[in-house]
N, C-alpha and C. Protein backbone atom coordinates (compact mmCIF):
# COMPACT_ATOMS: atom_id res chain seq x y z
N MET A 1 114.48 55.86 97.31
CA MET A 1 114.89 56.11 98.66
C MET A 1 116.30 56.67 98.49
N PRO A 2 116.52 57.61 99.40
CA PRO A 2 117.81 58.30 99.41
C PRO A 2 119.01 57.26 99.84
N VAL A 3 120.08 57.53 99.32
CA VAL A 3 121.26 56.61 99.66
C VAL A 3 121.45 56.66 101.21
N ALA A 4 121.37 57.79 101.91
CA ALA A 4 121.61 57.92 103.32
C ALA A 4 120.34 57.53 104.20
N TYR A 5 119.37 56.97 103.68
CA TYR A 5 118.19 56.52 104.43
C TYR A 5 118.61 55.69 105.60
N PRO A 6 118.29 55.68 106.76
CA PRO A 6 117.31 56.46 107.33
C PRO A 6 117.62 57.76 108.06
N GLN A 7 118.97 58.19 107.85
CA GLN A 7 119.39 59.59 108.32
C GLN A 7 118.76 60.70 107.53
N VAL A 8 118.32 60.42 106.24
CA VAL A 8 117.74 61.37 105.48
C VAL A 8 116.37 60.92 105.05
N ALA A 9 115.40 61.80 105.22
CA ALA A 9 114.01 61.52 105.08
C ALA A 9 113.89 61.40 103.53
N PRO A 10 112.98 60.24 103.30
CA PRO A 10 112.54 59.99 101.86
C PRO A 10 111.85 61.13 101.20
N GLU A 11 111.97 61.28 99.88
CA GLU A 11 111.12 62.28 99.18
C GLU A 11 109.83 61.59 98.66
N ILE A 12 108.81 62.30 98.68
CA ILE A 12 107.51 61.75 98.29
C ILE A 12 107.06 62.29 97.12
N GLU A 13 106.86 61.53 95.97
CA GLU A 13 106.50 61.86 94.70
C GLU A 13 105.07 61.50 94.30
N LEU A 14 104.32 62.44 93.72
CA LEU A 14 102.98 62.21 93.16
C LEU A 14 103.01 62.80 91.85
N PRO A 15 103.63 61.99 90.79
CA PRO A 15 103.72 62.60 89.46
C PRO A 15 102.40 63.00 88.72
N THR A 16 101.34 62.36 89.01
CA THR A 16 99.98 62.75 88.54
C THR A 16 99.51 64.03 88.83
N LEU A 17 100.04 64.63 89.89
CA LEU A 17 99.62 65.99 90.43
C LEU A 17 100.74 67.01 90.19
N ASP A 18 101.65 66.72 89.32
CA ASP A 18 102.85 67.55 88.95
C ASP A 18 102.23 68.92 88.37
N GLY A 19 102.65 70.01 88.96
CA GLY A 19 102.24 71.28 88.39
C GLY A 19 100.78 71.77 88.71
N LYS A 20 100.13 71.06 89.46
CA LYS A 20 98.71 71.38 89.84
C LYS A 20 98.63 72.23 91.16
N THR A 21 99.67 72.29 91.92
CA THR A 21 99.71 72.97 93.15
C THR A 21 101.10 73.68 93.38
N HIS A 22 100.95 74.75 94.13
CA HIS A 22 102.20 75.43 94.41
C HIS A 22 103.15 74.86 95.47
N LYS A 23 102.66 73.87 96.28
CA LYS A 23 103.38 73.31 97.33
C LYS A 23 103.90 71.91 96.76
N MET A 24 104.49 72.06 95.57
CA MET A 24 105.19 70.82 94.87
C MET A 24 106.37 71.28 93.97
N TYR A 25 107.37 70.39 93.96
CA TYR A 25 108.45 70.67 93.22
C TYR A 25 108.41 70.03 91.78
N ARG A 26 109.30 70.37 90.86
CA ARG A 26 109.19 69.60 89.55
C ARG A 26 109.38 68.05 89.72
N GLY A 27 108.60 67.38 88.96
CA GLY A 27 108.46 65.90 88.93
C GLY A 27 107.56 65.32 89.88
N GLY A 28 106.77 66.25 90.51
CA GLY A 28 105.61 65.67 91.54
C GLY A 28 106.18 65.54 92.95
N LYS A 29 107.30 66.09 93.27
CA LYS A 29 107.83 65.91 94.64
C LYS A 29 107.05 66.88 95.44
N ILE A 30 106.53 66.56 96.64
CA ILE A 30 105.81 67.31 97.46
C ILE A 30 106.73 68.02 98.52
N CYS A 31 106.39 69.23 98.95
CA CYS A 31 107.19 70.06 99.90
C CYS A 31 107.13 69.55 101.33
N LEU A 32 108.27 68.94 101.78
CA LEU A 32 108.29 68.49 103.11
C LEU A 32 109.33 69.20 103.96
N THR A 33 109.92 70.18 103.47
CA THR A 33 111.13 70.74 104.11
C THR A 33 110.73 71.47 105.58
N VAL A 34 109.77 72.30 105.55
CA VAL A 34 109.47 73.05 106.57
C VAL A 34 109.07 72.41 107.85
N HIS A 35 108.13 71.40 107.73
CA HIS A 35 107.48 70.82 108.85
C HIS A 35 107.98 69.37 109.20
N PHE A 36 108.22 68.55 108.07
CA PHE A 36 108.46 67.27 108.21
C PHE A 36 110.04 66.87 108.41
N LYS A 37 110.77 67.58 107.71
CA LYS A 37 112.28 67.31 107.78
C LYS A 37 112.89 67.43 109.15
N PRO A 38 112.49 68.55 109.91
CA PRO A 38 113.08 68.69 111.26
C PRO A 38 112.50 67.53 112.23
N LEU A 39 111.29 67.10 111.97
CA LEU A 39 110.66 65.95 112.84
C LEU A 39 111.47 64.64 112.44
N TRP A 40 111.68 64.53 111.24
CA TRP A 40 112.46 63.37 110.81
C TRP A 40 113.89 63.27 111.37
N ALA A 41 114.66 64.40 111.31
CA ALA A 41 115.92 64.48 111.95
C ALA A 41 116.05 64.30 113.24
N LYS A 42 114.96 64.75 114.09
CA LYS A 42 114.92 64.43 115.50
C LYS A 42 114.66 63.05 115.83
N ASN A 43 113.93 62.23 115.07
CA ASN A 43 113.51 60.89 115.18
C ASN A 43 114.06 60.01 114.22
N CYS A 44 115.13 60.13 113.52
CA CYS A 44 115.60 59.46 112.32
C CYS A 44 115.88 57.99 112.69
N PRO A 45 116.48 57.57 113.72
CA PRO A 45 116.61 56.08 113.79
C PRO A 45 115.36 55.31 114.01
N ARG A 46 114.33 55.94 114.50
CA ARG A 46 113.04 55.18 114.90
C ARG A 46 111.99 55.38 113.71
N PHE A 47 112.16 56.37 112.88
CA PHE A 47 111.14 56.68 111.97
C PHE A 47 111.37 55.79 110.70
N GLY A 48 110.42 55.41 109.96
CA GLY A 48 110.40 54.65 108.77
C GLY A 48 109.39 55.07 107.63
N LEU A 49 109.15 54.35 106.61
CA LEU A 49 108.32 54.78 105.60
C LEU A 49 106.89 55.09 106.03
N ALA A 50 106.41 54.34 106.95
CA ALA A 50 104.96 54.52 107.38
C ALA A 50 104.77 55.98 107.95
N HIS A 51 105.97 56.40 108.80
CA HIS A 51 105.87 57.67 109.39
C HIS A 51 105.99 58.72 108.37
N ALA A 52 106.76 58.48 107.29
CA ALA A 52 106.88 59.54 106.17
C ALA A 52 105.39 59.63 105.65
N LEU A 53 104.83 58.61 105.28
CA LEU A 53 103.40 58.69 104.67
C LEU A 53 102.45 59.31 105.68
N CYS A 54 102.47 58.92 106.83
CA CYS A 54 101.48 59.38 108.00
C CYS A 54 101.70 60.86 108.25
N LEU A 55 102.96 61.14 108.63
CA LEU A 55 103.30 62.45 109.11
C LEU A 55 103.78 63.45 108.10
N GLY A 56 104.07 63.06 106.89
CA GLY A 56 104.47 63.86 105.81
C GLY A 56 103.38 64.12 104.57
N LEU A 57 102.98 62.87 104.18
CA LEU A 57 102.03 62.93 103.15
C LEU A 57 100.69 63.17 103.44
N ALA A 58 100.16 62.67 104.58
CA ALA A 58 98.78 62.83 104.98
C ALA A 58 98.31 64.26 105.24
N PRO A 59 98.98 65.14 105.97
CA PRO A 59 98.83 66.42 106.16
C PRO A 59 98.86 67.32 104.93
N TRP A 60 99.85 66.99 103.89
CA TRP A 60 99.83 67.53 102.70
C TRP A 60 98.55 67.33 101.91
N LEU A 61 98.20 66.10 101.90
CA LEU A 61 97.04 65.79 101.13
C LEU A 61 95.83 66.42 101.66
N ALA A 62 95.81 66.38 103.05
CA ALA A 62 94.51 66.97 103.65
C ALA A 62 94.43 68.51 103.38
N ALA A 63 95.53 69.19 103.22
CA ALA A 63 95.63 70.62 102.95
C ALA A 63 95.28 70.86 101.36
N GLU A 64 95.86 70.10 100.56
CA GLU A 64 95.91 70.35 99.18
C GLU A 64 94.72 69.84 98.21
N VAL A 65 94.40 68.66 98.58
CA VAL A 65 93.24 68.04 97.78
C VAL A 65 92.08 68.83 97.71
N PRO A 66 91.45 69.27 98.91
CA PRO A 66 90.26 70.07 98.80
C PRO A 66 90.27 71.28 97.91
N ILE A 67 91.61 71.91 97.86
CA ILE A 67 91.69 73.04 97.02
C ILE A 67 91.83 72.69 95.42
N LEU A 68 92.39 71.48 95.20
CA LEU A 68 92.45 70.89 93.83
C LEU A 68 91.01 70.49 93.40
N VAL A 69 90.30 70.04 94.29
CA VAL A 69 88.89 69.48 93.91
C VAL A 69 87.93 70.79 93.59
N ASP A 70 88.08 71.72 94.52
CA ASP A 70 87.31 73.00 94.35
C ASP A 70 87.60 73.65 93.04
N SER A 71 88.91 73.67 92.74
CA SER A 71 89.34 74.39 91.49
C SER A 71 89.05 73.57 90.11
N GLY A 72 88.71 72.31 90.38
CA GLY A 72 88.40 71.59 89.13
C GLY A 72 89.65 70.88 88.56
N MET A 73 90.76 70.97 89.19
CA MET A 73 91.96 70.36 88.64
C MET A 73 91.96 68.78 88.89
N VAL A 74 91.33 68.33 89.90
CA VAL A 74 91.21 66.96 90.26
C VAL A 74 89.72 66.63 90.39
N LYS A 75 89.28 65.47 89.66
CA LYS A 75 87.94 65.13 89.72
C LYS A 75 87.87 63.65 90.03
N HIS A 76 86.72 63.37 90.78
CA HIS A 76 86.53 61.98 91.24
C HIS A 76 86.06 61.05 89.97
N LYS A 77 86.52 59.87 90.13
CA LYS A 77 86.09 58.90 88.98
C LYS A 77 84.70 58.94 88.63
N ASP A 78 83.89 58.80 89.67
CA ASP A 78 82.49 58.81 89.53
C ASP A 78 81.87 59.98 88.83
N ASP A 79 82.41 61.21 89.07
CA ASP A 79 81.98 62.45 88.49
C ASP A 79 82.30 62.38 86.99
N GLU A 80 83.49 61.85 86.68
CA GLU A 80 83.89 61.83 85.22
C GLU A 80 83.02 60.74 84.44
N ALA A 81 82.57 59.65 85.15
CA ALA A 81 81.84 58.64 84.43
C ALA A 81 80.36 59.11 84.34
N ALA A 82 79.83 59.89 85.31
CA ALA A 82 78.45 60.18 85.34
C ALA A 82 77.87 60.85 84.07
N PRO A 83 78.61 61.94 83.53
CA PRO A 83 78.11 62.48 82.27
C PRO A 83 77.99 61.54 81.24
N ALA A 84 78.89 60.72 81.03
CA ALA A 84 79.05 59.63 79.93
C ALA A 84 77.79 58.81 80.05
N GLU A 85 77.58 58.29 81.21
CA GLU A 85 76.33 57.39 81.47
C GLU A 85 75.06 58.27 81.28
N ALA A 86 74.90 59.45 81.78
CA ALA A 86 73.78 60.08 81.57
C ALA A 86 73.47 60.38 80.12
N SER A 87 74.38 60.66 79.24
CA SER A 87 74.21 60.92 77.84
C SER A 87 73.83 59.56 77.15
N ALA A 88 74.44 58.45 77.56
CA ALA A 88 74.07 57.11 77.00
C ALA A 88 72.72 56.74 77.33
N SER A 89 72.16 57.04 78.55
CA SER A 89 70.95 56.68 79.03
C SER A 89 69.86 57.64 78.48
N ALA A 90 70.18 58.77 78.02
CA ALA A 90 69.30 59.63 77.52
C ALA A 90 69.09 59.45 75.95
N ALA A 91 69.99 58.92 75.33
CA ALA A 91 69.81 58.61 73.96
C ALA A 91 68.63 57.61 73.86
N PRO A 92 67.76 57.75 72.70
CA PRO A 92 66.73 56.98 72.39
C PRO A 92 67.20 55.55 71.91
N PRO A 93 66.61 54.44 72.30
CA PRO A 93 67.03 53.14 71.97
C PRO A 93 66.82 53.00 70.36
N SER A 94 67.74 52.19 69.82
CA SER A 94 67.60 52.11 68.41
C SER A 94 66.89 50.77 67.93
């Protein structure tokens, strides 16, 4: 949380996605400057963390996650477990 919260919008970090998309700063901080920061400045006494997640993080995820999945940078847990299970079930029993 920034020292000047709530006058200053919080920065949202996703360290596991660091370096996987262009709309991210070092350390996994997502880019909120263009669209979210002016909205926060206009409504700062009334906005809170839920607003930051809903109006800042959600649109970013909606735009970036499909691109990351299509490029193969992010995989669903079930997709990673399926090949291991398939090879285990294909092996003849001893």
